[in-house]
Amino acid sequence: PAEAQLARVAAAAKRCGPDIRRALAAEGYFSTENFLDAAAVAAMAREARTLDATLVPSQSTRWDGKETVAYDKEGVRSTQILGGADYEKAPRLTEYVVALTSALAAEATARPLSQSKQTNKLAVCDAPGAAYPKHIDNGGGDDRRLLTAILYLSGAPAGGHFRAYAPEAD
């Protein structure tokens, strides 16, 4: 149920909030294993598989010293989790995104996070050796993202591996 998922995510953010805030301020990133319980992570991984038909080749951007350059992430496909008519396909993933933004705003960041300006991405690494490397999400302009949070649903401990990065000064 959605309420249970919201409560799980809020509890995880509350438990980790002080450490997230401290680590982001001191080191620019936070990482922990078993952020959520194994059952919640397994359920979200099952939901992610139901969205396979919506996945497209993933792109990202990097700074080449002169400009921001788009590039394909080899072996990685992605989609946004939008809810709406597709809510029933991935209710836990949808609620995770909503709950995480709300909980992190309350527990882990010194700056307010907007619940109406959040984005998300479900990325699937298909090929051997495929990876989802750290990259630039916020290219400036109208993009006001302040925090990137990643929850690895596979290849991690049963409770997932959670990472959060603060924006870099450059």
C-alpha atoms as a PDB file:
ATOM      1  CA  PRO A   1       0.000   0.000   0.000  1.00  0.00           C
ATOM      2  CA  ALA A   2       1.084   3.565  -0.748  1.00  0.00           C
ATOM      3  CA  GLU A   3       0.867   4.684   2.885  1.00  0.00           C
ATOM      4  CA  ALA A   4       3.231   1.928   3.992  1.00  0.00           C
ATOM      5  CA  GLN A   5       5.758   2.858   1.270  1.00  0.00           C
ATOM      6  CA  LEU A   6       5.586   6.537   2.239  1.00  0.00           C
ATOM      7  CA  ALA A   7       6.167   5.598   5.877  1.00  0.00           C
ATOM      8  CA  ARG A   8       9.142   3.334   5.026  1.00  0.00           C
ATOM      9  CA  VAL A   9      10.864   6.046   3.011  1.00  0.00           C
ATOM     10  CA  ALA A  10      10.168   8.732   5.617  1.00  0.00           C
ATOM     11  CA  ALA A  11      11.570   6.476   8.359  1.00  0.00           C
ATOM     12  CA  ALA A  12      14.714   5.747   6.304  1.00  0.00           C
ATOM     13  CA  ALA A  13      15.272   9.457   5.617  1.00  0.00           C
ATOM     14  CA  LYS A  14      14.702  10.306   9.283  1.00  0.00           C
ATOM     15  CA  ARG A  15      17.120   7.572  10.379  1.00  0.00           C
ATOM     16  CA  CYS A  16      19.803   8.690   7.902  1.00  0.00           C
ATOM     17  CA  GLY A  17      18.955  12.409   7.760  1.00  0.00           C
ATOM     18  CA  PRO A  18      21.572  13.729  10.178  1.00  0.00           C
ATOM     19  CA  ASP A  19      24.281  11.604   8.534  1.00  0.00           C
ATOM     20  CA  ILE A  20      23.155  12.679   5.046  1.00  0.00           C
ATOM     21  CA  ARG A  21      23.272  16.359   6.027  1.00  0.00           C
ATOM     22  CA  ARG A  22      26.700  16.008   7.675  1.00  0.00           C
ATOM     23  CA  ALA A  23      28.206  14.007   4.791  1.00  0.00           C
ATOM     24  CA  LEU A  24      26.845  16.311   2.069  1.00  0.00           C
ATOM     25  CA  ALA A  25      28.294  19.333   3.875  1.00  0.00           C
ATOM     26  CA  ALA A  26      31.657  17.728   4.639  1.00  0.00           C
ATOM     27  CA  GLU A  27      32.283  15.475   1.632  1.00  0.00           C
ATOM     28  CA  GLY A  28      29.664  16.337  -1.007  1.00  0.00           C
ATOM     29  CA  TYR A  29      28.171  12.841  -1.009  1.00  0.00           C
ATOM     30  CA  PHE A  30      26.503  10.276   1.229  1.00  0.00           C
ATOM     31  CA  SER A  31      26.350   6.511   0.784  1.00  0.00           C
ATOM     32  CA  THR A  32      24.743   3.736   2.815  1.00  0.00           C
ATOM     33  CA  GLU A  33      23.631   0.153   2.382  1.00  0.00           C
ATOM     34  CA  ASN A  34      20.229  -1.205   3.415  1.00  0.00           C
ATOM     35  CA  PHE A  35      18.524   2.180   3.163  1.00  0.00           C
ATOM     36  CA  LEU A  36      15.130   0.446   2.955  1.00  0.00           C
ATOM     37  CA  ASP A  37      14.034  -3.000   4.028  1.00  0.00           C
ATOM     38  CA  ALA A  38      14.669  -5.894   1.648  1.00  0.00           C
ATOM     39  CA  ALA A  39      10.959  -6.440   0.915  1.00  0.00           C
ATOM     40  CA  ALA A  40      10.466  -2.824  -0.220  1.00  0.00           C
ATOM     41  CA  VAL A  41      13.534  -2.946  -2.470  1.00  0.00           C
ATOM     42  CA  ALA A  42      12.467  -6.288  -3.973  1.00  0.00           C
ATOM     43  CA  ALA A  43       8.969  -4.912  -4.675  1.00  0.00           C
ATOM     44  CA  MET A  44      10.395  -1.810  -6.388  1.00  0.00           C
ATOM     45  CA  ALA A  45      12.727  -3.992  -8.474  1.00  0.00           C
ATOM     46  CA  ARG A  46       9.714  -6.067  -9.617  1.00  0.00           C
ATOM     47  CA  GLU A  47       7.853  -2.866 -10.519  1.00  0.00           C
ATOM     48  CA  ALA A  48      10.874  -1.601 -12.463  1.00  0.00           C
ATOM     49  CA  ARG A  49      10.703  -4.723 -14.626  1.00  0.00           C
ATOM     50  CA  THR A  50       7.075  -3.932 -15.546  1.00  0.00           C
ATOM     51  CA  LEU A  51       8.269  -0.636 -17.059  1.00  0.00           C
ATOM     52  CA  ASP A  52      10.716  -2.339 -19.451  1.00  0.00           C
ATOM     53  CA  ALA A  53       8.707  -1.371 -22.553  1.00  0.00           C
ATOM     54  CA  THR A  54       9.010   2.336 -21.624  1.00  0.00           C
ATOM     55  CA  LEU A  55      12.826   2.289 -21.399  1.00  0.00           C
ATOM     56  CA  VAL A  56      14.840   4.117 -24.075  1.00  0.00           C
ATOM     57  CA  PRO A  57      18.617   4.471 -24.588  1.00  0.00           C
ATOM     58  CA  SER A  58      19.891   6.717 -21.806  1.00  0.00           C
ATOM     59  CA  GLN A  59      21.799   9.923 -22.411  1.00  0.00           C
ATOM     60  CA  SER A  60      23.683  12.197 -20.081  1.00  0.00           C
ATOM     61  CA  THR A  61      25.919  15.252 -20.280  1.00  0.00           C
ATOM     62  CA  ARG A  62      29.488  16.033 -19.356  1.00  0.00           C
ATOM     63  CA  TRP A  63      31.601  19.168 -19.421  1.00  0.00           C
ATOM     64  CA  ASP A  64      34.447  18.932 -21.947  1.00  0.00           C
ATOM     65  CA  GLY A  65      36.210  22.078 -20.714  1.00  0.00           C
ATOM     66  CA  LYS A  66      34.403  24.362 -23.146  1.00  0.00           C
ATOM     67  CA  GLU A  67      30.778  23.239 -23.266  1.00  0.00           C
ATOM     68  CA  THR A  68      28.272  20.691 -22.075  1.00  0.00           C
ATOM     69  CA  VAL A  69      28.246  17.662 -24.376  1.00  0.00           C
ATOM     70  CA  ALA A  70      25.483  15.029 -24.575  1.00  0.00           C
ATOM     71  CA  TYR A  71      26.518  11.373 -24.818  1.00  0.00           C
ATOM     72  CA  ASP A  72      24.878   7.950 -24.816  1.00  0.00           C
ATOM     73  CA  LYS A  73      25.375   5.729 -21.797  1.00  0.00           C
ATOM     74  CA  GLU A  74      26.394   2.413 -23.347  1.00  0.00           C
ATOM     75  CA  GLY A  75      24.173  -0.474 -22.249  1.00  0.00           C
ATOM     76  CA  VAL A  76      21.895   1.765 -20.158  1.00  0.00           C
ATOM     77  CA  ARG A  77      18.185   2.366 -20.809  1.00  0.00           C
ATOM     78  CA  SER A  78      16.006   4.732 -18.802  1.00  0.00           C
ATOM     79  CA  THR A  79      12.563   6.243 -18.327  1.00  0.00           C
ATOM     80  CA  GLN A  80      10.846   8.675 -16.005  1.00  0.00           C
ATOM     81  CA  ILE A  81       8.360   7.366 -13.460  1.00  0.00           C
ATOM     82  CA  LEU A  82       5.395   9.624 -14.039  1.00  0.00           C
ATOM     83  CA  GLY A  83       2.513   8.053 -12.140  1.00  0.00           C
ATOM     84  CA  GLY A  84      -0.791   9.200 -13.604  1.00  0.00           C
ATOM     85  CA  ALA A  85      -2.326   6.550 -15.841  1.00  0.00           C
ATOM     86  CA  ASP A  86       0.722   4.306 -15.278  1.00  0.00           C
ATOM     87  CA  TYR A  87       0.600   4.596 -11.475  1.00  0.00           C
ATOM     88  CA  GLU A  88      -0.643   1.027 -11.019  1.00  0.00           C
ATOM     89  CA  LYS A  89       2.379  -0.338 -12.898  1.00  0.00           C
ATOM     90  CA  ALA A  90       4.791   1.092 -10.334  1.00  0.00           C
ATOM     91  CA  PRO A  91       3.045   2.476  -7.247  1.00  0.00           C
ATOM     92  CA  ARG A  92       5.976   1.868  -4.877  1.00  0.00           C
ATOM     93  CA  LEU A  93       8.469   3.514  -7.234  1.00  0.00           C
ATOM     94  CA  THR A  94       6.136   6.479  -7.700  1.00  0.00           C
ATOM     95  CA  GLU A  95       5.590   6.867  -3.957  1.00  0.00           C
ATOM     96  CA  TYR A  96       9.320   6.434  -3.316  1.00  0.00           C
ATOM     97  CA  VAL A  97      10.086   9.482  -5.478  1.00  0.00           C
ATOM     98  CA  VAL A  98       7.390  11.589  -3.782  1.00  0.00           C
ATOM     99  CA  ALA A  99       8.273  10.451  -0.262  1.00  0.00           C
ATOM    100  CA  LEU A 100      12.028  10.773  -0.727  1.00  0.00           C
ATOM    101  CA  THR A 101      11.800  14.389  -1.894  1.00  0.00           C
ATOM    102  CA  SER A 102       9.549  15.282   1.020  1.00  0.00           C
ATOM    103  CA  ALA A 103      11.603  13.392   3.603  1.00  0.00           C
ATOM    104  CA  LEU A 104      14.975  14.654   2.417  1.00  0.00           C
ATOM    105  CA  ALA A 105      13.697  18.212   2.419  1.00  0.00           C
ATOM    106  CA  ALA A 106      12.720  17.801   6.065  1.00  0.00           C
ATOM    107  CA  GLU A 107      15.611  15.671   7.297  1.00  0.00           C
ATOM    108  CA  ALA A 108      18.732  16.023   5.212  1.00  0.00           C
ATOM    109  CA  THR A 109      19.132  19.338   3.433  1.00  0.00           C
ATOM    110  CA  ALA A 110      19.670  22.878   4.585  1.00  0.00           C
ATOM    111  CA  ARG A 111      17.917  24.229   1.474  1.00  0.00           C
ATOM    112  CA  PRO A 112      14.263  23.518   0.716  1.00  0.00           C
ATOM    113  CA  LEU A 113      13.497  20.943  -1.972  1.00  0.00           C
ATOM    114  CA  SER A 114      10.414  21.618  -4.066  1.00  0.00           C
ATOM    115  CA  GLN A 115       7.920  18.776  -4.320  1.00  0.00           C
ATOM    116  CA  SER A 116       6.549  20.339  -7.519  1.00  0.00           C
ATOM    117  CA  LYS A 117       9.950  20.660  -9.237  1.00  0.00           C
ATOM    118  CA  GLN A 118      11.329  17.170  -8.734  1.00  0.00           C
ATOM    119  CA  THR A 119      12.366  14.788 -11.472  1.00  0.00           C
ATOM    120  CA  ASN A 120      13.286  11.147 -11.425  1.00  0.00           C
ATOM    121  CA  LYS A 121      14.823   8.525 -13.632  1.00  0.00           C
ATOM    122  CA  LEU A 122      14.635   4.755 -13.605  1.00  0.00           C
ATOM    123  CA  ALA A 123      17.809   3.481 -15.247  1.00  0.00           C
ATOM    124  CA  VAL A 124      18.540  -0.127 -16.139  1.00  0.00           C
ATOM    125  CA  CYS A 125      22.057  -1.322 -16.928  1.00  0.00           C
ATOM    126  CA  ASP A 126      21.514  -4.126 -19.467  1.00  0.00           C
ATOM    127  CA  ALA A 127      24.934  -4.963 -20.856  1.00  0.00           C
ATOM    128  CA  PRO A 128      27.893  -6.565 -19.094  1.00  0.00           C
ATOM    129  CA  GLY A 129      30.113  -3.755 -17.891  1.00  0.00           C
ATOM    130  CA  ALA A 130      27.357  -1.138 -18.247  1.00  0.00           C
ATOM    131  CA  ALA A 131      27.434   1.472 -15.512  1.00  0.00           C
ATOM    132  CA  TYR A 132      25.653   4.582 -14.352  1.00  0.00           C
ATOM    133  CA  PRO A 133      28.573   6.905 -13.614  1.00  0.00           C
ATOM    134  CA  LYS A 134      28.422  10.160 -11.726  1.00  0.00           C
ATOM    135  CA  HIS A 135      27.542  12.914 -14.180  1.00  0.00           C
ATOM    136  CA  ILE A 136      26.100  16.433 -14.398  1.00  0.00           C
ATOM    137  CA  ASP A 137      22.336  16.593 -13.937  1.00  0.00           C
ATOM    138  CA  ASN A 138      22.011  20.321 -13.455  1.00  0.00           C
ATOM    139  CA  GLY A 139      23.231  22.215 -16.503  1.00  0.00           C
ATOM    140  CA  GLY A 140      22.107  25.574 -15.142  1.00  0.00           C
ATOM    141  CA  GLY A 141      19.579  27.859 -16.765  1.00  0.00           C
ATOM    142  CA  ASP A 142      16.079  26.845 -15.710  1.00  0.00           C
ATOM    143  CA  ASP A 143      17.366  23.617 -14.146  1.00  0.00           C
ATOM    144  CA  ARG A 144      17.242  24.162 -10.387  1.00  0.00           C
ATOM    145  CA  ARG A 145      17.991  20.651  -9.144  1.00  0.00           C
ATOM    146  CA  LEU A 146      19.931  20.721  -5.896  1.00  0.00           C
ATOM    147  CA  LEU A 147      20.383  17.057  -5.013  1.00  0.00           C
ATOM    148  CA  THR A 148      20.845  13.766  -6.838  1.00  0.00           C
ATOM    149  CA  ALA A 149      19.815  10.646  -4.922  1.00  0.00           C
ATOM    150  CA  ILE A 150      20.324   7.117  -6.253  1.00  0.00           C
ATOM    151  CA  LEU A 151      18.886   3.872  -4.886  1.00  0.00           C
ATOM    152  CA  TYR A 152      20.466   0.800  -6.466  1.00  0.00           C
ATOM    153  CA  LEU A 153      17.860  -1.965  -6.631  1.00  0.00           C
ATOM    154  CA  SER A 154      20.123  -4.732  -7.934  1.00  0.00           C
ATOM    155  CA  GLY A 155      23.722  -5.750  -7.450  1.00  0.00           C
ATOM    156  CA  ALA A 156      23.472  -4.308  -3.941  1.00  0.00           C
ATOM    157  CA  PRO A 157      22.570  -5.593  -0.475  1.00  0.00           C
ATOM    158  CA  ALA A 158      18.984  -6.771  -0.049  1.00  0.00           C
ATOM    159  CA  GLY A 159      17.984  -3.362   1.342  1.00  0.00           C
ATOM    160  CA  GLY A 160      19.453  -1.444  -1.587  1.00  0.00           C
ATOM    161  CA  HIS A 161      22.432   0.870  -1.763  1.00  0.00           C
ATOM    162  CA  PHE A 162      21.548   4.564  -1.440  1.00  0.00           C
ATOM    163  CA  ARG A 163      23.747   7.461  -2.570  1.00  0.00           C
ATOM    164  CA  ALA A 164      23.131  11.209  -2.500  1.00  0.00           C
ATOM    165  CA  TYR A 165      25.340  13.872  -4.068  1.00  0.00           C
ATOM    166  CA  ALA A 166      25.374  17.595  -3.420  1.00  0.00           C
ATOM    167  CA  PRO A 167      26.018  19.915  -6.384  1.00  0.00           C
ATOM    168  CA  GLU A 168      29.661  20.549  -7.177  1.00  0.00           C
ATOM    169  CA  ALA A 169      30.993  24.088  -7.065  1.00  0.00           C
ATOM    170  CA  ASP A 170      32.124  24.012 -10.686  1.00  0.00           C
END
